[in-house]
Protein backbone atom coordinates (compact mmCIF):
# COMPACT_ATOMS: atom_id res chain seq x y z
CA UNK A 1 116.08 93.79 104.24
CA UNK A 2 116.90 95.82 107.25
CA UNK A 3 113.42 97.10 107.54
CA UNK A 4 112.82 93.02 108.25
CA UNK A 5 112.58 91.63 111.32
CA UNK A 6 113.65 88.73 111.05
CA UNK A 7 116.63 89.65 108.84
CA UNK A 8 117.87 92.17 111.76
CA UNK A 9 117.64 88.95 114.30
CA UNK A 10 119.52 86.95 111.84
CA UNK A 11 122.66 89.83 111.26
CA UNK A 12 122.44 89.86 115.09
CA UNK A 13 122.94 86.26 115.44
CA UNK A 14 124.97 85.48 112.97
CA UNK A 15 127.80 88.71 113.88
CA UNK A 16 127.30 87.39 117.40
CA UNK A 17 128.76 83.70 116.26
CA UNK A 18 131.06 85.36 113.43
CA UNK A 19 132.71 87.43 116.97
CA UNK A 20 132.69 84.34 118.99
CA UNK A 21 134.02 82.25 116.47
CA UNK A 22 136.74 85.03 115.41
CA UNK A 23 137.61 85.90 119.08
CA UNK A 24 137.66 82.15 120.60
CA UNK A 25 139.66 80.84 117.41
CA UNK A 26 142.12 84.07 117.88
CA UNK A 27 142.95 83.20 121.93
CA UNK A 28 143.13 79.52 120.66
CA UNK A 29 145.59 80.25 118.08
CA UNK A 30 148.00 83.04 120.07
CA UNK A 31 148.49 80.40 122.91
CA UNK A 32 149.27 77.92 120.25
CA UNK A 33 151.91 79.98 118.92
CA UNK A 34 153.03 81.24 122.08
CA UNK A 35 153.72 77.78 123.04
CA UNK A 36 155.46 76.72 120.18
CA UNK A 37 158.03 79.75 120.17
CA UNK A 38 158.48 79.25 123.95
CA UNK A 39 159.27 75.82 123.59
CA UNK A 40 161.90 76.44 120.67
CA UNK A 41 162.90 79.45 122.64
CA UNK A 42 163.69 77.11 125.78
CA UNK A 43 165.53 74.65 123.69
CA UNK A 44 167.69 77.26 122.29
CA UNK A 45 168.51 78.27 125.83
CA UNK A 46 169.27 75.19 126.85
CA UNK A 47 171.33 74.21 124.14
CA UNK A 48 173.47 77.86 124.72
CA UNK A 49 173.85 77.07 128.49
CA UNK A 50 175.01 73.39 127.52
CA UNK A 51 177.36 74.20 125.01
CA UNK A 52 178.94 77.32 127.51
CA UNK A 53 179.23 74.26 130.33
CA UNK A 54 181.03 71.81 127.64
CA UNK A 55 183.32 74.82 126.93
CA UNK A 56 184.11 75.64 130.39
CA UNK A 57 185.90 72.11 130.80
CA UNK A 58 188.18 73.00 128.23
CA UNK A 59 191.35 74.18 128.93
CA UNK A 60 191.78 78.03 128.96
CA UNK A 61 194.12 78.22 125.89
CA UNK A 62 191.46 76.05 123.92
CA UNK A 63 189.10 78.14 125.03
CA UNK A 64 190.54 81.24 123.62
CA UNK A 65 191.47 78.78 120.21
CA UNK A 66 195.04 77.69 121.02
CA UNK A 67 196.87 74.40 121.61
CA UNK A 68 197.38 73.35 124.84
CA UNK A 69 201.16 74.01 125.70
CA UNK A 70 203.38 70.71 125.69
CA UNK A 71 203.40 68.56 129.17
CA UNK A 72 206.97 68.38 130.52
CA UNK A 73 208.70 64.94 131.99
CA UNK A 74 207.81 64.43 135.47
CA UNK A 75 210.39 64.75 137.73
CA UNK A 76 212.46 61.74 138.97
CA UNK A 77 211.33 59.84 142.12
CA UNK A 78 213.40 60.16 145.42
CA UNK A 79 215.10 56.51 144.56
CA UNK A 80 216.38 58.01 141.29
CA UNK A 81 213.43 55.79 138.77
CA UNK A 82 211.49 57.89 136.45
CA UNK A 83 207.63 57.78 137.32
CA UNK A 84 205.26 56.18 134.53
CA UNK A 85 204.55 58.46 131.79
CA UNK A 86 201.51 61.39 132.20
CA UNK A 87 198.76 59.96 129.58
CA UNK A 88 199.01 61.96 126.62
CA UNK A 89 197.21 65.37 126.38
CA UNK A 90 194.51 65.84 123.86
CA UNK A 91 194.62 67.83 121.14
CA UNK A 92 192.51 70.97 120.39
CA UNK A 93 190.86 68.73 117.69
CA UNK A 94 189.93 66.25 119.83
CA UNK A 95 188.57 69.03 122.97
CA UNK A 96 186.10 70.32 119.86
CA UNK A 97 184.95 67.24 118.83
CA UNK A 98 182.76 67.10 122.14
CA UNK A 99 181.63 70.42 121.60
CA UNK A 100 178.09 69.76 119.88
CA UNK A 101 174.58 70.12 120.59
CA UNK A 102 173.21 68.02 123.39
CA UNK A 103 171.00 65.15 121.68
CA UNK A 104 167.60 66.64 123.34
CA UNK A 105 167.84 69.70 121.32
CA UNK A 106 166.58 68.35 117.92
CA UNK A 107 163.45 68.97 117.25
CA UNK A 108 160.51 65.87 116.45
CA UNK A 109 159.68 65.76 113.33
CA UNK A 110 162.30 67.67 111.99
CA UNK A 111 163.15 66.57 108.04
CA UNK A 112 164.63 68.92 106.54
CA UNK A 113 168.74 70.16 107.45
CA UNK A 114 168.04 73.77 107.48
CA UNK A 115 165.48 73.21 110.14
CA UNK A 116 167.72 71.95 112.53
CA UNK A 117 169.07 73.84 115.11
CA UNK A 118 173.22 75.40 114.47
CA UNK A 119 175.51 77.08 116.87
CA UNK A 120 178.61 79.01 116.26
CA UNK A 121 181.49 79.34 118.66
CA UNK A 122 184.10 82.48 118.63
CA UNK A 123 186.42 83.37 120.83
CA UNK A 124 186.80 86.84 122.50
CA UNK A 125 188.64 88.18 119.06
CA UNK A 126 186.52 86.74 116.72
CA UNK A 127 188.08 83.77 116.06
CA UNK A 128 185.89 80.59 115.19
CA UNK A 129 186.15 77.75 117.08
CA UNK A 130 183.73 75.27 115.36
CA UNK A 131 180.22 76.10 113.64
CA UNK A 132 177.40 73.29 113.07
CA UNK A 133 174.37 72.92 110.67
CA UNK A 134 174.87 76.95 110.09
CA UNK A 135 172.29 77.92 107.00
CA UNK A 136 173.57 79.06 103.75
CA UNK A 137 173.44 82.43 103.18
CA UNK A 138 174.61 83.20 107.03
CA UNK A 139 176.04 86.14 108.18
CA UNK A 140 178.53 85.52 110.82
CA UNK A 141 179.80 89.50 110.94
CA UNK A 142 176.35 90.62 110.95
CA UNK A 143 175.66 88.19 114.15
CA UNK A 144 179.10 89.25 115.75
CA UNK A 145 177.82 92.71 115.45
CA UNK A 146 175.18 92.35 117.78
CA UNK A 147 175.30 92.76 121.48
CA UNK A 148 176.20 89.61 123.28
CA UNK A 149 175.65 89.39 127.26
CA UNK A 150 176.77 86.82 130.42
CA UNK A 151 172.89 85.37 130.05
CA UNK A 152 171.52 83.95 127.09
CA UNK A 153 169.76 86.67 125.02
CA UNK A 154 166.75 85.70 122.53
CA UNK A 155 166.75 87.93 119.15
CA UNK A 156 165.05 87.47 115.87
CA UNK A 157 166.60 87.59 112.41
CA UNK A 158 165.24 89.27 109.15
CA UNK A 159 165.44 85.79 107.69
CA UNK A 160 163.09 83.53 110.08
CA UNK A 161 166.34 82.53 111.84
CA UNK A 162 165.87 82.64 116.27
CA UNK A 163 168.78 83.38 118.00
CA UNK A 164 170.38 82.93 121.40
CA UNK A 165 173.74 84.67 122.05
CA UNK A 166 175.48 84.58 125.45
CA UNK A 167 179.10 85.31 126.79
CA UNK A 168 181.07 82.38 127.36
CA UNK A 169 183.92 81.15 129.72
CA UNK A 170 187.29 83.34 128.53
CA UNK A 171 185.25 85.62 126.79
CA UNK A 172 184.11 83.27 124.18
CA UNK A 173 180.70 83.76 122.21
CA UNK A 174 178.03 81.27 122.06
CA UNK A 175 175.41 81.43 119.31
CA UNK A 176 172.68 79.02 118.94
CA UNK A 177 169.89 79.41 116.36
CA UNK A 178 167.05 77.67 114.48
CA UNK A 179 165.08 78.38 111.05
CA UNK A 180 161.22 78.92 112.39
CA UNK A 181 160.22 77.83 108.52
CA UNK A 182 159.08 74.45 109.79
CA UNK A 183 157.30 76.29 112.38
CA UNK A 184 155.92 78.70 110.87
CA UNK A 185 154.47 76.24 108.30
CA UNK A 186 152.75 74.73 110.79
CA UNK A 187 150.80 77.73 112.03
CA UNK A 188 149.78 78.32 108.90
CA UNK A 189 148.57 75.27 108.33
CA UNK A 190 146.93 75.36 112.30
CA UNK A 191 145.46 78.89 110.99
CA UNK A 192 144.23 77.27 108.02
CA UNK A 193 142.23 74.89 109.74
CA UNK A 194 141.03 76.93 112.06
CA UNK A 195 139.30 78.90 109.37
CA UNK A 196 138.22 76.06 107.63
CA UNK A 197 136.44 75.10 111.36
CA UNK A 198 135.48 78.30 112.05
CA UNK A 199 133.63 79.03 108.59
CA UNK A 200 131.98 75.85 109.08
CA UNK A 201 130.68 76.39 112.34
CA UNK A 202 129.67 79.53 111.08
CA UNK A 203 127.67 78.05 107.99
CA UNK A 204 126.05 75.98 110.64
CA UNK A 205 125.21 78.73 113.51
CA UNK A 206 123.64 80.75 110.34
CA UNK A 207 121.31 78.07 109.20
CA UNK A 208 120.27 77.59 113.00
CA UNK A 209 119.91 81.04 113.84
CA UNK A 210 117.86 81.44 110.22
CA UNK A 211 115.67 78.51 112.14
CA UNK A 212 115.75 80.54 115.17
CA UNK A 213 114.56 83.60 113.84
CA UNK A 214 111.94 82.07 111.35
CA UNK A 215 110.59 80.72 114.37
CA UNK A 216 111.03 84.18 116.74
CA UNK A 217 108.86 86.00 113.60
CA UNK A 218 106.03 83.47 112.77
CA UNK A 219 103.79 84.68 114.92
CA UNK A 220 104.05 87.99 113.76
CA UNK A 221 103.78 86.92 110.87
CA UNK A 222 100.27 84.81 111.75
CA UNK A 223 99.45 87.74 113.32
CA UNK A 224 99.83 89.61 109.80
CA UNK A 225 98.16 87.20 108.21
CA UNK A 226 94.91 87.45 110.63
CA UNK A 227 94.95 90.84 110.21
CA UNK A 228 94.80 90.60 106.47
CA UNK A 229 91.70 88.36 106.85
CA UNK A 230 89.80 90.99 108.27
CA UNK A 231 87.43 92.83 106.29
CA UNK A 232 83.93 95.40 106.46
CA UNK A 233 82.47 92.06 105.89
CA UNK A 234 84.14 89.74 107.93
CA UNK A 235 85.40 90.83 111.35
CA UNK A 236 85.48 87.18 113.54
CA UNK A 237 88.87 86.79 112.97
CA UNK A 238 90.84 86.92 116.29
CA UNK A 239 94.54 85.71 117.09
CA UNK A 240 94.98 82.58 119.06
CA UNK A 241 96.23 82.93 122.48
CA UNK A 242 97.04 79.13 122.87
CA UNK A 243 99.84 79.48 120.48
CA UNK A 244 101.57 82.38 121.20
CA UNK A 245 104.64 83.01 123.19
CA UNK A 246 104.38 84.75 126.31
CA UNK A 247 106.20 88.06 124.98
CA UNK A 248 103.81 88.40 122.42
CA UNK A 249 100.80 87.31 124.22
CA UNK A 250 100.16 90.65 125.49
CA UNK A 251 100.25 92.30 122.21
CA UNK A 252 97.97 89.69 120.83
CA UNK A 253 95.03 90.45 123.39
CA UNK A 254 95.65 94.29 122.53
CA UNK A 255 95.31 93.05 118.80
CA UNK A 256 92.10 91.18 119.83
CA UNK A 257 90.34 94.14 121.78
CA UNK A 258 91.09 96.15 119.10
CA UNK A 259 89.79 93.60 116.56
CA UNK A 260 86.47 93.69 118.55
CA UNK A 261 86.70 97.07 118.97
CA UNK A 262 86.56 97.29 115.08
CA UNK A 263 84.20 94.88 114.87
CA UNK A 264 81.45 96.35 116.98
CA UNK A 265 82.09 99.81 115.61
CA UNK A 266 81.75 98.39 111.76
CA UNK A 267 78.61 96.80 113.37
CA UNK A 268 77.49 100.15 114.53
CA UNK A 269 78.34 102.18 111.66
CA UNK A 270 75.83 99.48 109.40
CA UNK A 271 73.48 99.49 112.36
CA UNK A 272 73.65 103.34 112.07
CA UNK A 273 73.06 103.50 108.22
CA UNK A 274 70.43 100.74 108.47
CA UNK A 275 68.52 102.89 110.88
CA UNK A 276 69.40 106.38 109.32
CA UNK A 277 68.08 105.11 105.81
CA UNK A 278 64.87 103.64 107.93
CA UNK A 279 63.78 106.83 109.83
CA UNK A 280 64.24 109.01 106.27
CA UNK A 281 62.21 106.40 104.35
CA UNK A 282 59.49 106.57 106.48
CA UNK A 283 58.39 110.43 106.12
CA UNK A 284 59.50 110.02 102.28
CA UNK A 285 57.26 107.43 101.84
CA UNK A 286 54.45 109.36 103.48
CA UNK A 287 55.21 112.72 101.55
CA UNK A 288 55.04 110.49 98.56
CA UNK A 289 52.00 108.89 99.11
CA UNK A 290 49.77 111.74 100.27
CA UNK A 291 50.84 113.64 97.13
CA UNK A 292 50.36 110.67 95.10
CA UNK A 293 46.98 110.15 96.76
CA UNK A 294 46.25 114.32 96.14
CA UNK A 295 47.29 114.25 92.60
CA UNK A 296 45.46 110.97 91.82
CA UNK A 297 41.86 112.68 91.05
CA UNK A 298 40.79 116.35 91.53
CA UNK A 299 40.40 117.42 95.40
CA UNK A 300 38.88 120.16 97.34
CA UNK A 301 40.89 123.28 98.85
CA UNK A 302 40.33 121.54 101.96
CA UNK A 303 41.96 118.04 101.42
CA UNK A 304 44.85 119.97 99.35
CA UNK A 305 45.48 121.70 102.48
CA UNK A 306 45.57 118.62 105.06
CA UNK A 307 47.89 116.74 102.16
CA UNK A 308 50.36 119.66 102.48
CA UNK A 309 49.97 119.82 106.13
CA UNK A 310 51.04 115.96 106.43
CA UNK A 311 53.67 116.66 103.84
CA UNK A 312 54.84 119.47 105.92
CA UNK A 313 55.30 117.48 109.23
CA UNK A 314 57.21 115.02 107.31
CA UNK A 315 59.45 117.74 106.25
CA UNK A 316 60.03 118.58 109.58
CA UNK A 317 60.53 115.49 110.81
CA UNK A 318 63.37 114.86 108.30
CA UNK A 319 64.84 118.06 108.89
CA UNK A 320 65.31 117.57 113.04
CA UNK A 321 66.48 114.13 111.46
CA UNK A 322 69.20 115.31 109.59
CA UNK A 323 69.70 118.25 112.14
CA UNK A 324 70.37 115.38 114.62
CA UNK A 325 72.70 113.38 112.09
CA UNK A 326 74.44 116.81 111.43
CA UNK A 327 75.42 117.65 114.92
CA UNK A 328 76.28 113.66 115.70
CA UNK A 329 78.56 114.41 113.03
CA UNK A 330 80.12 117.58 114.21
CA UNK A 331 80.95 115.50 117.54
CA UNK A 332 82.34 112.67 116.56
CA UNK A 333 84.47 114.81 114.28
CA UNK A 334 87.64 115.27 116.37
CA UNK A 335 88.74 118.42 114.27
CA UNK A 336 84.88 119.89 115.06
CA UNK A 337 85.05 123.37 115.88
CA UNK A 338 83.80 123.11 119.59
CA UNK A 339 84.91 126.25 121.48
CA UNK A 340 84.64 126.32 125.32
CA UNK A 341 84.64 129.09 127.31
CA UNK A 342 84.09 130.27 130.99
CA UNK A 343 80.29 130.17 131.74
CA UNK A 344 77.87 130.16 134.65
CA UNK A 345 76.68 126.37 134.21
CA UNK A 346 73.90 127.23 137.09
CA UNK A 347 72.74 130.29 134.44
CA UNK A 348 72.66 127.78 131.51
CA UNK A 349 69.94 125.29 133.29
CA UNK A 350 67.96 128.45 134.99
CA UNK A 351 66.88 129.66 131.36
CA UNK A 352 66.09 126.10 130.01
CA UNK A 353 63.80 126.02 133.13
CA UNK A 354 62.19 129.08 132.36
CA UNK A 355 61.81 128.14 128.39
CA UNK A 356 60.47 124.86 129.44
CA UNK A 357 58.27 126.36 132.26
CA UNK A 358 55.16 126.52 129.86
CA UNK A 359 55.77 123.21 128.69
CA UNK A 360 55.66 121.83 132.14
CA UNK A 361 52.19 123.69 133.16
CA UNK A 362 50.23 122.41 130.24
CA UNK A 363 51.34 118.84 130.95
CA UNK A 364 50.59 119.50 134.51
CA UNK A 365 53.98 118.76 135.54
CA UNK A 366 56.30 120.90 138.30
CA UNK A 367 59.55 122.20 137.96
CA UNK A 368 61.40 122.33 140.94
CA UNK A 369 64.79 123.76 141.32
CA UNK A 370 67.79 123.79 143.75
CA UNK A 371 70.72 125.90 141.51
CA UNK A 372 74.19 126.50 143.69
CA UNK A 373 76.40 128.64 141.53
CA UNK A 374 78.87 127.05 139.74
CA UNK A 375 81.54 127.87 137.37
CA UNK A 376 82.87 126.09 134.17
CA UNK A 377 84.70 125.68 130.79
CA UNK A 378 81.73 124.49 128.27
CA UNK A 379 79.57 125.39 125.12
CA UNK A 380 76.79 127.05 126.17
CA UNK A 381 74.54 126.63 123.17
CA UNK A 382 75.58 122.75 123.34
CA UNK A 383 75.41 122.40 126.61
CA UNK A 384 71.65 123.99 126.69
CA UNK A 385 70.13 122.14 124.08
CA UNK A 386 71.62 119.38 126.00
CA UNK A 387 69.45 120.24 129.11
CA UNK A 388 66.52 121.17 127.38
CA UNK A 389 66.26 117.67 125.62
CA UNK A 390 66.84 115.95 129.03
CA UNK A 391 64.02 118.25 130.89
CA UNK A 392 61.65 117.93 127.81
CA UNK A 393 61.72 113.93 128.14
CA UNK A 394 60.96 114.39 132.16
CA UNK A 395 58.15 116.29 131.27
CA UNK A 396 56.92 114.22 128.69
CA UNK A 397 57.71 110.52 130.29
CA UNK A 398 56.23 112.04 132.97
CA UNK A 399 52.51 111.52 135.22
CA UNK A 400 50.47 114.04 135.87
CA UNK A 401 50.56 116.07 138.28
CA UNK A 402 54.24 114.40 138.88
CA UNK A 403 57.83 116.37 139.88
CA UNK A 404 60.58 117.11 138.28
CA UNK A 405 63.45 117.84 140.42
CA UNK A 406 66.89 119.64 138.82
CA UNK A 407 69.77 120.46 141.43
CA UNK A 408 73.11 121.64 140.79
CA UNK A 409 75.79 120.71 143.13
CA UNK A 410 79.82 120.61 143.71
CA UNK A 411 81.30 117.03 144.57
CA UNK A 412 85.03 115.75 144.40
CA UNK A 413 86.13 119.07 141.90
CA UNK A 414 82.94 118.02 139.90
CA UNK A 415 79.62 120.14 138.84
CA UNK A 416 77.25 117.60 138.83
CA UNK A 417 73.88 118.26 137.46
CA UNK A 418 70.45 116.04 138.51
CA UNK A 419 67.29 115.47 136.56
CA UNK A 420 65.11 113.42 138.16
CA UNK A 421 61.68 112.85 137.43
CA UNK A 422 58.29 110.94 139.09
CA UNK A 423 57.55 109.10 135.75
CA UNK A 424 56.77 106.08 134.46
CA UNK A 425 60.72 105.02 134.30
CA UNK A 426 62.66 102.77 131.98
CA UNK A 427 62.81 99.06 132.24
CA UNK A 428 66.78 97.75 133.56
CA UNK A 429 66.67 95.60 130.27
CA UNK A 430 67.29 99.11 128.32
CA UNK A 431 69.88 100.77 130.65
CA UNK A 432 72.74 99.73 128.38
CA UNK A 433 71.02 100.80 125.21
CA UNK A 434 69.63 104.08 125.97
CA UNK A 435 72.61 106.61 124.24
CA UNK A 436 72.62 104.81 121.38
CA UNK A 437 71.86 106.23 118.07
CA UNK A 438 68.23 105.68 117.27
CA UNK A 439 67.48 103.75 120.21
CA UNK A 440 63.83 103.82 121.39
CA UNK A 441 62.37 102.01 124.75
CA UNK A 442 59.21 102.28 123.11
CA UNK A 443 59.52 100.20 120.03
CA UNK A 444 55.43 100.98 119.32
CA UNK A 445 56.08 104.62 118.85
CA UNK A 446 55.37 106.47 115.68
CA UNK A 447 58.11 107.50 113.95
CA UNK A 448 55.84 110.75 112.74
CA UNK A 449 54.95 111.11 116.38
CA UNK A 450 57.75 110.28 118.23
CA UNK A 451 61.56 111.50 118.39
CA UNK A 452 64.09 110.20 116.24
CA UNK A 453 66.45 108.46 118.72
CA UNK A 454 69.01 110.78 118.81
CA UNK A 455 68.38 113.36 121.37
CA UNK A 456 70.21 111.11 124.02
CA UNK A 457 73.17 110.17 121.65
CA UNK A 458 73.78 113.79 121.11
CA UNK A 459 73.61 114.37 124.98
CA UNK A 460 76.43 112.10 125.70
CA UNK A 461 78.33 113.25 122.99
CA UNK A 462 78.19 116.68 123.94
CA UNK A 463 79.25 115.64 127.54
CA UNK A 464 82.21 113.73 126.39
CA UNK A 465 83.51 116.77 124.65
CA UNK A 466 83.42 118.65 127.93
CA UNK A 467 85.45 115.83 129.35
CA UNK A 468 82.28 115.14 131.45
CA UNK A 469 80.57 111.42 132.31
CA UNK A 470 76.90 110.99 132.23
CA UNK A 471 74.60 108.78 133.61
CA UNK A 472 71.09 107.03 134.25
CA UNK A 473 69.40 105.86 137.16
CA UNK A 474 65.94 104.68 136.78
CA UNK A 475 63.01 102.60 138.58
CA UNK A 476 60.19 101.02 136.23
CA UNK A 477 56.73 102.67 137.33
CA UNK A 478 58.69 105.39 140.07
CA UNK A 479 60.87 107.44 137.76
CA UNK A 480 64.06 107.99 136.06
CA UNK A 481 67.41 110.26 137.31
CA UNK A 482 70.27 111.28 134.77
CA UNK A 483 73.19 112.85 136.58
CA UNK A 484 76.13 114.74 134.57
CA UNK A 485 79.70 115.69 135.82
CA UNK A 486 81.28 118.38 134.56
CA UNK A 487 84.77 119.46 135.49
CA UNK A 488 84.50 123.12 137.77
CA UNK A 489 86.50 126.06 136.46
CA UNK A 490 88.97 126.86 139.39
CA UNK A 491 90.43 130.49 140.08
CA UNK A 492 94.06 129.63 141.17
CA UNK A 493 94.49 133.33 142.16
């Protein structure tokens, strides 16, 4: 599964979406959690300060848990009359009745009494002045054991109680707290809702990402289907570049060029097989025909000798053809043993000119050589056969009294060999196919008297094995020029 591009894209998109949902949900949940507890802390601090202000309005004895001393009767007026009696002093209980939480300390939506804020007010010697809504199981001793400060101080108890502690007037101790059970349940419900919404978005996103991944890999799948439709019998299928995304257009174009090369290769292979079969069938047909004719009745020794001579020529023809095919097979093989050594290129050409001098004299063709000394890395045997073939063609297809100019020069670090004749030339329409196997310019030439059509193909293969190039220029009726370029050996010393 993980080797599939579509599943990799699906996994990437799903992971990215899940990461976004988790991160955004976590940030949003954190903001809700923070605002919820910040509101609780704000209300608790405000309630503690309210109790502190209320307690400061009490007489100091009451702040310490004592009754206020009785009021003495006011002294008589100067005229001896008694002043009106003062308003009676309130009792400790009356003062403590006013000690309660502010109205806005209650949180909206609170129903359970255990979730209401509570408070305790102690004197400096830990005597209880007043308490309200203290939850069951609350440990006053444990709470008083904590440190108190003049300013409201927040603390969290083990049983999910949030408290604010501070020192009030006359060293009194003020505690205001609230259970966080309700807020915890609310936050848990919000988390469940976030999770459900996130899962819904994740499922939707996974479905969308699956569709996107399928859409993205569909062109590749179509390419695979097109490639599957290609066969040895039908190589005409091509990818439609008009329906391929721009990112894959380059790949589709490369594949189309590859399919075209494969089609051309298969076509050449079929043509090569057909041509080779045809070339071999002709001499075999000759041998069989003359043999059957000789055996049909008793012949004279002279007739038998003529039959053997014709069969021998046909056998030689097959031998030359098979040798040419083997040479092409070795050149086509990338693992073929083709040793390159440092050789004198001009000596190889001079040797070929010397060997073909007699043929040129017999046909009244002059060989004119201008050879500069040059060294290359090459295979002297294959280069000699290649040069022999080109010079032989220049002699055979020349005019009586014609010339063959053979030159070697150095140009742009290349050894350039030119073989130029003044012969019949080659029509322009044949030049692009001249190096193809079994191609003949003169279709009417006998297969027994003419060549096999492999010579120039072998020449091209030899030059390519030497990392060189071979080109041809010809003017019909005036002559032909073959130009070969090979890398020159450089002595770095």
